[in-house]
């Protein structure tokens, strides 16, 4: 997958063998253009950058509402968790969810560094293989909440 940001292109490898349903959902939404224009609504320095709210977080949509970004998903049903032994290290893509383990939908996050407390608690489904320095440049949010007032966006996200 190629994620285009204003700063350049990021290459992502997907783990279809260990998280097939999350990969299938991510690819489907990406190839339908659902992630194009979506903001990084929650970015915590040293921890992770969260994006993927295709309902309220798409800056190209009439439903865009930055104050609601992070509360929406896609129109598709939530996914059953696919927890594995993949460690949440720098560059890992993982499915965002609520307290309900089976509530992942369209949102995901990219780890800036190791986050072992997430291991076997969140569905890791890919990794940034090129361009992690561009992920590092994403605007950081407020120290406690991670909320970003003028967020960076995904220009496009597509299969290679």
Protein backbone atom coordinates (compact mmCIF):
# COMPACT_ATOMS: atom_id res chain seq x y z
CA UNK A 1 0.00 0.00 0.00
CA UNK A 2 1.09 3.57 -0.66
CA UNK A 3 -0.06 6.37 1.63
CA UNK A 4 0.50 9.84 0.20
CA UNK A 5 1.01 12.65 2.69
CA UNK A 6 1.86 16.26 1.90
CA UNK A 7 5.45 15.45 2.87
CA UNK A 8 5.77 12.41 0.57
CA UNK A 9 4.91 8.72 0.14
CA UNK A 10 4.81 6.05 2.83
CA UNK A 11 4.97 2.36 1.92
CA UNK A 12 3.01 -0.11 4.04
CA UNK A 13 3.31 -3.90 4.15
CA UNK A 14 0.13 -5.69 5.20
CA UNK A 15 -0.01 -8.89 7.27
CA UNK A 16 -2.74 -10.77 5.42
CA UNK A 17 -1.77 -14.15 6.88
CA UNK A 18 -2.13 -13.13 10.52
CA UNK A 19 -4.91 -10.51 10.34
CA UNK A 20 -6.79 -11.36 7.14
CA UNK A 21 -10.06 -9.64 7.99
CA UNK A 22 -8.42 -6.39 9.07
CA UNK A 23 -6.24 -6.37 5.95
CA UNK A 24 -9.22 -7.08 3.70
CA UNK A 25 -11.19 -4.20 5.29
CA UNK A 26 -8.23 -1.79 5.11
CA UNK A 27 -7.60 -2.61 1.44
CA UNK A 28 -11.28 -2.34 0.51
CA UNK A 29 -11.72 1.07 2.14
CA UNK A 30 -8.42 2.31 0.72
CA UNK A 31 -9.16 1.15 -2.81
CA UNK A 32 -12.63 2.73 -2.66
CA UNK A 33 -10.94 6.05 -1.80
CA UNK A 34 -12.53 6.18 1.66
CA UNK A 35 -9.26 7.16 3.36
CA UNK A 36 -8.45 9.95 0.87
CA UNK A 37 -8.74 13.25 2.78
CA UNK A 38 -9.02 11.64 6.23
CA UNK A 39 -7.31 13.54 9.05
CA UNK A 40 -4.88 12.30 11.69
CA UNK A 41 -7.24 13.31 14.50
CA UNK A 42 -5.30 11.96 17.50
CA UNK A 43 -1.51 12.13 17.54
CA UNK A 44 0.47 11.60 20.74
CA UNK A 45 4.17 12.41 20.52
CA UNK A 46 6.30 9.32 21.16
CA UNK A 47 3.28 7.01 21.08
CA UNK A 48 1.10 6.93 17.95
CA UNK A 49 -0.76 8.73 15.15
CA UNK A 50 -4.43 7.74 14.78
CA UNK A 51 -6.56 8.21 11.67
CA UNK A 52 -9.15 6.37 9.62
CA UNK A 53 -12.49 7.86 10.70
CA UNK A 54 -14.06 7.77 7.24
CA UNK A 55 -17.39 9.11 8.54
CA UNK A 56 -16.51 12.29 10.47
CA UNK A 57 -12.77 12.56 9.78
CA UNK A 58 -12.83 12.90 5.99
CA UNK A 59 -12.00 16.52 5.21
CA UNK A 60 -13.42 16.05 1.67
CA UNK A 61 -16.86 15.00 2.96
CA UNK A 62 -19.94 17.04 3.84
CA UNK A 63 -20.04 14.99 7.10
CA UNK A 64 -16.57 16.22 8.13
CA UNK A 65 -16.60 17.41 11.72
CA UNK A 66 -13.23 17.68 13.45
CA UNK A 67 -14.87 17.70 16.90
CA UNK A 68 -16.45 14.30 16.09
CA UNK A 69 -13.42 12.82 14.28
CA UNK A 70 -12.50 9.62 16.05
CA UNK A 71 -16.07 8.70 16.93
CA UNK A 72 -17.06 7.31 13.54
CA UNK A 73 -16.21 4.44 11.26
CA UNK A 74 -17.40 3.03 7.98
CA UNK A 75 -20.86 1.74 7.11
CA UNK A 76 -19.47 -1.80 7.28
CA UNK A 77 -19.92 -3.96 10.41
CA UNK A 78 -17.29 -3.97 13.13
CA UNK A 79 -14.55 -6.59 12.96
CA UNK A 80 -13.81 -9.46 15.31
CA UNK A 81 -10.42 -9.01 17.00
CA UNK A 82 -7.42 -10.73 15.40
CA UNK A 83 -4.89 -10.56 18.23
CA UNK A 84 -1.45 -12.02 17.44
CA UNK A 85 2.06 -12.09 18.84
CA UNK A 86 3.16 -9.20 16.59
CA UNK A 87 4.78 -6.66 18.89
CA UNK A 88 3.61 -3.05 18.72
CA UNK A 89 6.93 -1.53 17.72
CA UNK A 90 7.92 1.47 15.62
CA UNK A 91 5.94 1.57 12.38
CA UNK A 92 3.28 -1.02 13.25
CA UNK A 93 -0.25 -0.37 11.96
CA UNK A 94 -2.94 -1.55 14.34
CA UNK A 95 -6.72 -1.32 14.44
CA UNK A 96 -8.19 1.30 16.76
CA UNK A 97 -11.19 0.16 18.80
CA UNK A 98 -13.35 1.05 21.80
CA UNK A 99 -13.35 -0.90 25.06
CA UNK A 100 -15.22 -3.64 23.16
CA UNK A 101 -12.52 -5.98 21.82
CA UNK A 102 -14.54 -6.64 18.65
CA UNK A 103 -15.25 -3.00 17.76
CA UNK A 104 -12.52 -2.20 15.21
CA UNK A 105 -13.93 -0.79 11.98
CA UNK A 106 -12.03 1.70 9.81
CA UNK A 107 -9.78 3.54 12.25
CA UNK A 108 -6.15 2.61 12.72
CA UNK A 109 -2.98 3.95 14.27
CA UNK A 110 0.72 3.87 13.51
CA UNK A 111 3.16 3.47 16.41
CA UNK A 112 6.00 5.99 16.73
CA UNK A 113 7.88 3.62 19.04
CA UNK A 114 7.51 0.46 21.10
CA UNK A 115 4.16 0.14 22.91
CA UNK A 116 4.29 -3.34 24.50
CA UNK A 117 1.19 -2.64 26.62
CA UNK A 118 -0.82 -2.87 23.35
CA UNK A 119 0.51 -6.33 22.44
CA UNK A 120 -2.22 -8.98 22.20
CA UNK A 121 -4.77 -6.24 23.03
CA UNK A 122 -5.07 -4.64 19.58
CA UNK A 123 -5.08 -6.17 16.09
CA UNK A 124 -1.75 -5.37 14.41
CA UNK A 125 -2.20 -5.77 10.66
CA UNK A 126 0.75 -4.09 8.94
CA UNK A 127 3.95 -2.08 9.14
CA UNK A 128 5.46 1.00 7.55
CA UNK A 129 8.40 -0.27 5.46
CA UNK A 130 9.46 3.04 3.90
CA UNK A 131 8.81 6.65 4.88
CA UNK A 132 8.53 6.34 8.65
CA UNK A 133 10.36 9.67 8.89
CA UNK A 134 7.30 11.20 7.19
CA UNK A 135 5.01 9.67 9.81
CA UNK A 136 7.27 11.23 12.46
CA UNK A 137 6.54 14.64 10.89
CA UNK A 138 2.74 14.41 11.35
CA UNK A 139 1.46 17.28 13.51
CA UNK A 140 1.28 16.27 17.15
CA UNK A 141 -1.79 16.89 19.26
CA UNK A 142 -2.38 18.16 22.78
CA UNK A 143 -0.14 16.41 25.33
CA UNK A 144 -2.95 14.73 27.29
CA UNK A 145 -5.66 14.05 24.71
CA UNK A 146 -3.67 13.92 21.50
CA UNK A 147 -6.37 16.05 19.82
CA UNK A 148 -5.03 17.94 16.81
CA UNK A 149 -6.60 21.34 16.01
CA UNK A 150 -5.15 21.67 12.47
CA UNK A 151 -4.49 18.05 11.51
CA UNK A 152 -2.47 16.57 8.68
CA UNK A 153 -4.42 14.47 6.19
CA UNK A 154 -4.01 11.35 4.13
CA UNK A 155 -3.96 12.68 0.57
CA UNK A 156 -4.48 9.18 -0.82
CA UNK A 157 -4.12 5.57 0.23
CA UNK A 158 -4.06 2.87 -2.45
CA UNK A 159 -2.59 -0.49 -3.34
CA UNK A 160 0.79 -0.30 -5.07
